[in-house]
Amino acid sequence: MYLWNSEYGFVSRHLEQRFIQLAHPFDIKINIGTDLQRERMRSRSFPLSATLALVLLPSQLPAAALPLLRTEWNASSAELGWVVSAYLLGYAAAVLVVLPLTDRVLPSRVIALGALVTAIANLGFAFAAHDVITASALRVISGFGLAGVYMPGVRLVAQSSDPARRGGAVGLYVAAFYLGGSLSFLATGLLLEPFGWRGAALVLGAVGLAAVPIAAISTRGIPEATGERAHLDLRVLRNAPLVRTIAAYVGHSWELFIVRAWLAAFLAAAFALRGLSPTDASATASQWAALLLALGVPGVFIGGWLSDRVGRTRAALLYALGSGAISIGFGTLLFAPWPAIVAIGGIYGALVAADSAVYSTAVTELAPAARIGSAQALQAVAGFGIGSLGPVVAGVALDLGSGWVGPFLVAGVVGIATALPLALAFRERPLIRFDRA
């Protein structure tokens, strides 16, 4: 049955009841869950977060052991940048298939299989990585597995959360992404001296296997997906606010991946200047990098929480401009007093992570309900695919003699430039969105 709507003409009774007018495309009010659904999701969120953190536990070993790998494999900075980026490229390639599947396939199966694939690849790195090529190949496979864990988990949390608290809920889950990376730096730093990088890779890979049973248990009983298609749907790119959000996410990823790839090496260079041996400098730098990047855990949670109150656009711009400004000057701190490096690095670690949950939440809100998987796939392939080139470009800048100013300058300029178009949203007319009951 169709009814007349004074503003939109004839619409079905079903759609008439679902129209909601919004002040801004990021300020979406969606009624999607009962108290029972939210309670069930809370019981899942912690094991889902634990799964993600365990999957990521071995992920930063190449970045933490970078000075040692450079010597052992006689590799350039750019080549080692590819080893770090291969993980991200594998993720970007896999999401084009994996995430659209979550519109039709049970996420529980996708998450459990992804955890298994990345665990096997991480264990293989300890035994079969002998040069840049073999290491990069194993990292690509590990990235394939991450694609089945990270974004499907974001989707589950976002769709099952109270709209008024969605940014905070997604922020809590995404915080596990940063916690896993920070723990990877910390654990690698502790294991490098007694076991070497291969022994560290073996221990971390074995511990990471625990993600498989946790993933299987935490995703039981999730309702079957009801999307329209199980392959990539490019129609989501007709949504201009969504495209700008994805573009800003690309800059965020570019900056974040450069920091993750080169922060430990930068700190190792600072320790080497203070007289430490290469192994001691790498081990100590990894632990300090873990501490600084661990501040991204509260940073990303607070970022999502604040975006629920001031809006996604304002929050994203605030964090992007802040972290980008620090990036531009961070490389000049090599000879600075150690307390200054730690203080500025701590603020940097929190800000560079803070907007991650904002973008992840906004994509699930802006995309049509039946094509969220396709929107997330485009977000992930753009963010991780293009962003993965950041560590390589930073390595090239280092090889060209820019010193440590070059890598972080490249990070900050791109991060700011891609976030600025978000300001266009302040001048847009109100949009109509559907209640995704």
Protein backbone atom coordinates (compact mmCIF):
# COMPACT_ATOMS: atom_id res chain seq x y z
CA MET A 1 0.00 0.00 0.00
CA TYR A 2 1.29 3.48 -0.89
CA LEU A 3 0.75 6.73 1.04
CA TRP A 4 1.28 10.34 0.02
CA ASN A 5 4.21 12.11 1.68
CA SER A 6 4.18 15.90 1.23
CA GLU A 7 7.91 16.07 0.68
CA TYR A 8 8.68 12.83 -1.16
CA GLY A 9 5.48 11.94 -3.06
CA PHE A 10 4.06 8.42 -2.99
CA VAL A 11 5.97 5.99 -0.78
CA SER A 12 5.04 2.59 0.59
CA ARG A 13 3.64 2.36 4.10
CA HIS A 14 6.75 0.35 5.01
CA LEU A 15 9.11 3.08 3.81
CA GLU A 16 6.95 5.88 5.18
CA GLN A 17 7.44 4.47 8.65
CA ARG A 18 11.19 4.21 8.14
CA PHE A 19 12.03 7.72 6.93
CA ILE A 20 14.16 9.78 9.35
CA GLN A 21 15.42 13.28 8.64
CA LEU A 22 18.97 14.04 9.73
CA ALA A 23 20.93 17.21 10.38
CA HIS A 24 24.08 15.68 8.97
CA PRO A 25 24.99 12.40 7.22
CA PHE A 26 27.21 11.40 10.14
CA ASP A 27 24.58 12.18 12.77
CA ILE A 28 22.44 9.15 12.04
CA LYS A 29 19.79 7.99 14.48
CA ILE A 30 19.10 4.31 13.93
CA ASN A 31 16.88 2.05 15.98
CA ILE A 32 18.26 -1.43 15.30
CA GLY A 33 18.38 -3.38 18.52
CA THR A 34 16.54 -4.43 21.60
CA ASP A 35 18.03 -4.55 25.06
CA LEU A 36 18.43 -8.29 24.62
CA GLN A 37 20.39 -7.85 21.38
CA ARG A 38 22.67 -5.29 22.99
CA GLU A 39 23.27 -7.55 25.97
CA ARG A 40 24.19 -10.43 23.68
CA MET A 41 26.53 -8.18 21.74
CA ARG A 42 28.27 -7.05 24.91
CA SER A 43 28.90 -10.69 25.74
CA ARG A 44 30.50 -11.16 22.31
CA SER A 45 32.49 -7.93 22.08
CA PHE A 46 35.21 -8.95 24.51
CA PRO A 47 35.99 -12.35 22.95
CA LEU A 48 35.83 -10.73 19.50
CA SER A 49 38.33 -8.13 20.70
CA ALA A 50 40.52 -10.88 22.17
CA THR A 51 40.44 -12.71 18.83
CA LEU A 52 41.58 -9.60 16.99
CA ALA A 53 44.36 -8.83 19.47
CA LEU A 54 45.70 -12.41 19.29
CA VAL A 55 45.61 -12.41 15.49
CA LEU A 56 47.70 -9.25 15.52
CA LEU A 57 50.19 -10.40 18.15
CA PRO A 58 52.90 -11.48 15.63
CA SER A 59 52.07 -8.70 13.13
CA GLN A 60 54.71 -6.11 14.06
CA LEU A 61 57.70 -8.44 14.37
CA PRO A 62 59.32 -7.33 11.06
CA ALA A 63 59.01 -3.66 12.05
CA ALA A 64 60.38 -4.35 15.54
CA ALA A 65 63.33 -6.39 14.18
CA LEU A 66 63.91 -4.18 11.14
CA PRO A 67 67.53 -3.20 11.93
CA LEU A 68 68.42 -6.90 12.40
CA LEU A 69 66.68 -7.98 9.19
CA ARG A 70 68.43 -5.22 7.25
CA THR A 71 71.81 -6.60 8.33
CA GLU A 72 70.96 -10.30 7.91
CA TRP A 73 69.35 -9.94 4.48
CA ASN A 74 71.51 -7.02 3.28
CA ALA A 75 68.33 -5.17 2.34
CA SER A 76 67.62 -1.50 1.73
CA SER A 77 65.08 0.53 3.69
CA ALA A 78 62.69 0.48 0.73
CA GLU A 79 62.91 -3.34 0.45
CA LEU A 80 62.17 -3.76 4.13
CA GLY A 81 59.29 -1.34 3.69
CA TRP A 82 57.82 -3.90 1.28
CA VAL A 83 58.12 -6.65 3.91
CA VAL A 84 56.07 -4.53 6.31
CA SER A 85 53.61 -3.45 3.63
CA ALA A 86 53.08 -6.96 2.22
CA TYR A 87 50.87 -7.73 5.22
CA LEU A 88 48.69 -4.74 4.42
CA LEU A 89 48.61 -5.50 0.69
CA GLY A 90 47.46 -9.04 1.42
CA TYR A 91 44.68 -7.63 3.56
CA ALA A 92 43.66 -5.15 0.86
CA ALA A 93 43.53 -7.85 -1.84
CA ALA A 94 41.49 -10.25 0.30
CA VAL A 95 38.82 -7.81 1.44
CA LEU A 96 37.53 -7.38 -2.11
CA VAL A 97 36.24 -10.94 -1.84
CA VAL A 98 35.88 -11.48 1.91
CA LEU A 99 33.86 -8.45 2.97
CA PRO A 100 31.15 -8.57 0.28
CA LEU A 101 30.68 -12.22 1.29
CA THR A 102 29.63 -11.06 4.76
CA ASP A 103 26.49 -9.61 3.14
CA ARG A 104 25.39 -13.21 2.53
CA VAL A 105 27.61 -15.60 4.54
CA LEU A 106 27.70 -16.09 8.30
CA PRO A 107 30.39 -13.80 9.75
CA SER A 108 31.29 -16.50 12.27
CA ARG A 109 32.68 -18.72 9.51
CA VAL A 110 34.62 -15.86 7.95
CA ILE A 111 36.19 -14.77 11.25
CA ALA A 112 37.21 -18.28 12.34
CA LEU A 113 38.74 -19.14 8.96
CA GLY A 114 40.60 -15.82 8.85
CA ALA A 115 42.10 -16.45 12.29
CA LEU A 116 43.31 -19.89 11.18
CA VAL A 117 44.93 -18.64 7.95
CA THR A 118 46.87 -15.84 9.63
CA ALA A 119 48.05 -18.14 12.45
CA ILE A 120 49.50 -20.64 9.96
CA ALA A 121 51.24 -17.91 7.98
CA ASN A 122 52.74 -16.36 11.11
CA LEU A 123 54.20 -19.70 12.19
CA GLY A 124 55.56 -20.18 8.68
CA PHE A 125 57.43 -16.88 8.94
CA ALA A 126 59.60 -18.30 11.73
CA PHE A 127 60.79 -21.20 9.56
CA ALA A 128 60.60 -20.09 5.92
CA ALA A 129 61.40 -16.35 5.82
CA HIS A 130 64.96 -16.21 4.44
CA ASP A 131 64.94 -13.01 2.36
CA VAL A 132 62.74 -10.11 1.32
CA ILE A 133 60.77 -12.19 -1.21
CA THR A 134 59.90 -15.17 1.02
CA ALA A 135 59.16 -12.90 3.96
CA SER A 136 56.86 -10.72 1.84
CA ALA A 137 54.98 -13.75 0.47
CA LEU A 138 54.26 -15.07 3.97
CA ARG A 139 53.20 -11.63 5.11
CA VAL A 140 50.71 -11.41 2.22
CA ILE A 141 49.10 -14.70 3.33
CA SER A 142 48.93 -13.46 6.91
CA GLY A 143 47.18 -10.32 5.64
CA PHE A 144 44.63 -12.52 3.86
CA GLY A 145 43.66 -13.95 7.23
CA LEU A 146 43.38 -10.57 8.93
CA ALA A 147 40.84 -9.54 6.30
CA GLY A 148 38.49 -12.21 7.59
CA VAL A 149 38.74 -11.02 11.18
CA TYR A 150 38.97 -7.24 11.46
CA MET A 151 36.24 -5.63 9.35
CA PRO A 152 33.65 -8.41 9.82
CA GLY A 153 34.09 -7.82 13.56
CA VAL A 154 33.58 -4.07 13.09
CA ARG A 155 30.36 -4.80 11.26
CA LEU A 156 29.01 -7.11 13.97
CA VAL A 157 29.73 -4.58 16.70
CA ALA A 158 28.37 -1.57 14.77
CA GLN A 159 25.14 -3.22 13.69
CA SER A 160 24.38 -4.54 17.18
CA SER A 161 25.14 -1.37 19.14
CA ASP A 162 22.90 1.36 20.48
CA PRO A 163 23.11 4.17 17.88
CA ALA A 164 23.76 6.79 20.57
CA ARG A 165 26.78 4.78 21.75
CA ARG A 166 27.89 3.23 18.47
CA GLY A 167 31.10 5.27 18.16
CA GLY A 168 32.21 4.18 21.62
CA ALA A 169 31.31 0.54 20.98
CA VAL A 170 33.24 0.39 17.72
CA GLY A 171 36.05 2.32 19.38
CA LEU A 172 36.32 -0.36 22.04
CA TYR A 173 36.61 -3.08 19.40
CA VAL A 174 39.03 -1.12 17.21
CA ALA A 175 41.12 -0.48 20.33
CA ALA A 176 41.94 -4.20 20.22
CA PHE A 177 43.56 -3.55 16.82
CA TYR A 178 45.94 -1.09 18.43
CA LEU A 179 46.38 -3.20 21.55
CA GLY A 180 47.41 -6.19 19.44
CA GLY A 181 49.95 -4.13 17.51
CA SER A 182 51.39 -2.61 20.68
CA LEU A 183 51.65 -5.98 22.39
CA SER A 184 53.40 -7.26 19.28
CA PHE A 185 56.12 -4.61 19.65
CA LEU A 186 56.41 -5.25 23.38
CA ALA A 187 56.57 -9.04 23.14
CA THR A 188 59.04 -8.93 20.24
CA GLY A 189 61.29 -6.57 22.18
CA LEU A 190 61.28 -8.92 25.17
CA LEU A 191 61.95 -12.02 23.05
CA LEU A 192 64.60 -10.66 20.67
CA GLU A 193 67.57 -10.85 23.02
CA PRO A 194 67.04 -14.39 24.41
CA PHE A 195 65.64 -16.05 21.26
CA GLY A 196 66.50 -13.91 18.22
CA TRP A 197 63.88 -12.82 15.70
CA ARG A 198 63.08 -16.36 14.51
CA GLY A 199 62.49 -17.61 18.04
CA ALA A 200 60.32 -14.57 18.73
CA ALA A 201 58.30 -15.27 15.58
CA LEU A 202 57.77 -18.89 16.65
CA VAL A 203 56.59 -18.01 20.16
CA LEU A 204 54.26 -15.26 18.99
CA GLY A 205 52.85 -17.43 16.20
CA ALA A 206 52.11 -20.25 18.64
CA VAL A 207 50.33 -17.92 21.06
CA GLY A 208 48.37 -16.44 18.16
CA LEU A 209 46.86 -19.87 17.44
CA ALA A 210 44.62 -19.34 20.48
CA ALA A 211 42.60 -16.90 18.36
CA VAL A 212 41.05 -19.77 16.38
CA PRO A 213 38.99 -21.44 19.15
CA ILE A 214 38.09 -18.07 20.69
CA ALA A 215 36.79 -16.87 17.31
CA ALA A 216 34.70 -20.01 16.88
CA ILE A 217 33.13 -19.71 20.34
CA SER A 218 32.51 -15.94 20.31
CA THR A 219 30.61 -15.97 16.99
CA ARG A 220 28.20 -18.82 17.71
CA GLY A 221 24.51 -18.06 17.31
CA ILE A 222 24.95 -14.97 15.12
CA PRO A 223 21.95 -14.62 12.75
CA GLU A 224 22.51 -15.32 9.07
CA ALA A 225 23.28 -12.31 6.88
CA THR A 226 20.49 -10.98 4.66
CA GLY A 227 22.24 -8.76 2.11
CA GLU A 228 21.39 -8.49 -1.59
CA ARG A 229 24.56 -9.87 -3.10
CA ALA A 230 27.80 -11.60 -2.17
CA HIS A 231 30.11 -9.66 -4.46
CA LEU A 232 31.39 -6.11 -4.65
CA ASP A 233 28.71 -3.51 -5.38
CA LEU A 234 30.18 -0.25 -6.65
CA ARG A 235 26.87 1.59 -6.37
CA VAL A 236 27.87 2.64 -2.86
CA LEU A 237 30.33 5.09 -4.46
CA ARG A 238 27.40 7.28 -5.51
CA ASN A 239 27.27 8.49 -1.92
CA ALA A 240 29.55 11.55 -1.78
CA PRO A 241 29.87 11.72 2.05
CA LEU A 242 30.84 8.03 2.05
CA VAL A 243 33.49 8.60 -0.62
CA ARG A 244 34.99 11.50 1.36
CA THR A 245 35.03 9.37 4.49
CA ILE A 246 36.87 6.58 2.67
CA ALA A 247 39.37 9.09 1.24
CA ALA A 248 40.08 10.45 4.72
CA TYR A 249 40.50 6.88 5.96
CA VAL A 250 43.15 6.38 3.27
CA GLY A 251 45.17 9.28 4.68
CA HIS A 252 44.69 8.00 8.21
CA SER A 253 45.94 4.54 7.18
CA TRP A 254 48.90 6.00 5.26
CA GLU A 255 50.05 7.95 8.30
CA LEU A 256 49.36 5.14 10.77
CA PHE A 257 51.22 2.50 8.74
CA ILE A 258 54.28 4.71 8.36
CA VAL A 259 54.35 5.29 12.10
CA ARG A 260 53.96 1.58 12.84
CA ALA A 261 56.62 0.60 10.31
CA TRP A 262 59.29 3.15 11.17
CA LEU A 263 58.74 4.35 14.76
CA ALA A 264 60.72 1.47 16.30
CA ALA A 265 63.56 1.95 13.80
CA PHE A 266 63.59 5.70 14.55
CA LEU A 267 63.83 4.99 18.28
CA ALA A 268 66.53 2.37 17.63
CA ALA A 269 68.54 5.01 15.79
CA ALA A 270 68.13 7.32 18.79
CA PHE A 271 69.35 4.58 21.14
CA ALA A 272 72.27 3.75 18.82
CA LEU A 273 73.36 7.39 19.07
CA ARG A 274 73.37 6.89 22.82
CA GLY A 275 75.81 3.97 22.55
CA LEU A 276 73.63 0.82 22.49
CA SER A 277 74.52 -2.17 20.27
CA PRO A 278 72.20 -2.95 17.30
CA THR A 279 70.44 -5.82 19.11
CA ASP A 280 70.05 -3.91 22.36
CA ALA A 281 68.91 -0.80 20.50
CA SER A 282 66.28 -2.77 18.55
CA ALA A 283 65.00 -4.62 21.62
CA THR A 284 64.79 -1.48 23.76
CA ALA A 285 63.26 0.56 20.94
CA SER A 286 60.57 -2.08 20.38
CA GLN A 287 59.49 -1.88 23.99
CA TRP A 288 59.34 1.90 23.92
CA ALA A 289 57.44 1.81 20.60
CA ALA A 290 54.97 -0.57 22.22
CA LEU A 291 54.42 1.89 25.07
CA LEU A 292 53.91 4.88 22.80
CA LEU A 293 51.63 3.06 20.38
CA ALA A 294 49.68 1.51 23.26
CA LEU A 295 48.34 5.00 23.97
CA GLY A 296 46.37 4.51 20.77
CA VAL A 297 44.16 2.06 22.72
CA PRO A 298 42.56 4.72 24.94
CA GLY A 299 42.99 7.17 22.06
CA VAL A 300 40.77 5.23 19.67
CA PHE A 301 38.14 4.55 22.34
CA ILE A 302 38.00 8.22 23.36
CA GLY A 303 37.92 9.15 19.68
CA GLY A 304 34.81 7.07 19.08
CA TRP A 305 33.20 8.29 22.30
CA LEU A 306 33.80 11.95 21.43
CA SER A 307 32.44 11.49 17.91
CA ASP A 308 29.13 10.39 19.45
CA ARG A 309 28.94 13.82 21.08
CA VAL A 310 30.44 16.33 18.63
CA GLY A 311 29.78 14.48 15.36
CA ARG A 312 31.92 12.24 13.19
CA THR A 313 33.22 15.01 10.91
CA ARG A 314 34.37 17.38 13.64
CA ALA A 315 36.06 14.60 15.57
CA ALA A 316 37.83 13.18 12.50
CA LEU A 317 39.15 16.59 11.44
CA LEU A 318 40.37 17.38 14.94
CA TYR A 319 42.39 14.17 15.19
CA ALA A 320 43.73 14.26 11.63
CA LEU A 321 45.01 17.83 11.95
CA GLY A 322 46.56 17.13 15.35
CA SER A 323 48.42 13.95 14.39
CA GLY A 324 49.43 15.38 11.02
CA ALA A 325 50.99 18.44 12.61
CA ILE A 326 53.07 16.24 14.94
CA SER A 327 54.09 13.98 12.04
CA ILE A 328 55.51 16.86 10.06
CA GLY A 329 57.99 17.72 12.80
CA PHE A 330 58.51 14.38 14.55
CA GLY A 331 61.62 13.38 12.59
CA THR A 332 63.50 16.40 13.92
CA LEU A 333 63.44 14.91 17.44
CA LEU A 334 66.22 12.37 16.83
CA PHE A 335 68.73 14.41 18.84
CA ALA A 336 66.18 15.81 21.30
CA PRO A 337 66.27 14.93 25.02
CA TRP A 338 64.72 11.55 25.67
CA PRO A 339 61.87 12.93 27.87
CA ALA A 340 60.82 15.18 24.97
CA ILE A 341 60.73 12.24 22.54
CA VAL A 342 58.61 10.22 24.97
CA ALA A 343 56.18 13.05 25.76
CA ILE A 344 55.58 14.06 22.14
CA GLY A 345 55.60 10.43 21.00
CA GLY A 346 52.91 9.57 23.54
CA ILE A 347 50.60 12.32 22.28
CA TYR A 348 51.40 11.23 18.74
CA GLY A 349 50.54 7.59 19.47
CA ALA A 350 47.14 8.57 20.88
CA LEU A 351 46.18 11.04 18.13
CA VAL A 352 47.27 8.93 15.16
CA ALA A 353 44.85 6.21 16.31
CA ALA A 354 41.95 8.34 17.52
CA ASP A 355 40.10 8.77 14.23
CA SER A 356 40.14 5.09 13.28
CA ALA A 357 36.87 4.24 15.05
CA VAL A 358 35.28 7.43 13.69
CA TYR A 359 35.77 6.36 10.08
CA SER A 360 34.85 2.73 10.71
CA THR A 361 31.61 3.77 12.42
CA ALA A 362 30.73 6.36 9.78
CA VAL A 363 31.07 3.86 6.92
CA THR A 364 28.56 1.48 8.53
CA GLU A 365 26.17 4.40 9.01
CA LEU A 366 26.47 6.00 5.58
CA ALA A 367 26.28 2.81 3.50
CA PRO A 368 22.92 1.23 2.58
CA ALA A 369 22.13 -1.53 5.05
CA ALA A 370 22.23 -4.34 2.47
CA ARG A 371 25.56 -3.19 1.03
CA ILE A 372 27.62 -2.48 4.14
CA GLY A 373 30.00 -5.31 3.20
CA SER A 374 30.74 -3.68 -0.15
CA ALA A 375 31.27 -0.29 1.49
CA GLN A 376 33.63 -1.81 4.04
CA ALA A 377 35.48 -3.65 1.26
CA LEU A 378 36.10 -0.41 -0.62
CA GLN A 379 37.13 1.31 2.62
CA ALA A 380 39.56 -1.49 3.46
CA VAL A 381 41.06 -1.95 0.00
CA ALA A 382 41.59 1.80 -0.39
CA GLY A 383 42.86 2.34 3.15
CA PHE A 384 45.10 -0.70 3.37
CA GLY A 385 45.98 -0.89 -0.34
CA ILE A 386 47.03 2.72 -0.82
CA GLY A 387 48.08 3.13 2.82
CA SER A 388 50.40 0.13 2.54
CA LEU A 389 52.53 2.10 0.11
CA GLY A 390 53.27 4.61 2.86
CA PRO A 391 56.03 2.56 4.56
CA VAL A 392 57.66 1.98 1.16
CA VAL A 393 57.59 5.66 0.23
CA ALA A 394 58.93 6.50 3.69
CA GLY A 395 61.75 3.98 3.14
CA VAL A 396 62.57 5.55 -0.23
CA ALA A 397 62.71 8.98 1.44
CA LEU A 398 65.14 7.53 3.97
CA ASP A 399 67.30 5.94 1.25
CA LEU A 400 67.41 9.28 -0.61
CA GLY A 401 69.13 10.89 2.36
CA SER A 402 66.27 12.89 3.86
CA GLY A 403 67.19 11.66 7.32
CA TRP A 404 64.34 10.88 9.70
CA VAL A 405 62.49 14.07 8.75
CA GLY A 406 61.43 12.61 5.38
CA PRO A 407 59.43 9.52 6.48
CA PHE A 408 57.32 11.36 9.04
CA LEU A 409 56.87 14.43 6.82
CA VAL A 410 55.40 12.17 4.11
CA ALA A 411 53.02 10.74 6.72
CA GLY A 412 51.73 14.07 8.02
CA VAL A 413 51.21 15.87 4.71
CA VAL A 414 49.11 13.06 3.22
CA GLY A 415 47.10 12.61 6.42
CA ILE A 416 46.10 16.28 6.54
CA ALA A 417 45.43 16.62 2.79
CA THR A 418 42.97 13.71 2.67
CA ALA A 419 41.06 14.82 5.77
CA LEU A 420 40.42 18.43 4.74
CA PRO A 421 37.60 17.60 2.23
CA LEU A 422 35.53 16.34 5.16
CA ALA A 423 34.89 20.01 5.97
CA LEU A 424 32.60 20.16 2.91
CA ALA A 425 30.04 18.21 4.93
CA PHE A 426 29.37 21.26 7.09
CA ARG A 427 27.67 22.95 4.12
CA GLU A 428 25.58 19.99 2.93
CA ARG A 429 21.79 19.82 3.03
CA PRO A 430 20.06 17.33 5.32
CA LEU A 431 19.83 13.74 4.09
CA ILE A 432 17.15 11.10 4.47
CA ARG A 433 18.20 7.73 5.82
CA PHE A 434 16.40 4.50 6.63
CA ASP A 435 15.93 2.90 10.01
CA ARG A 436 17.90 -0.35 9.75
CA ALA A 437 15.59 -2.41 11.97
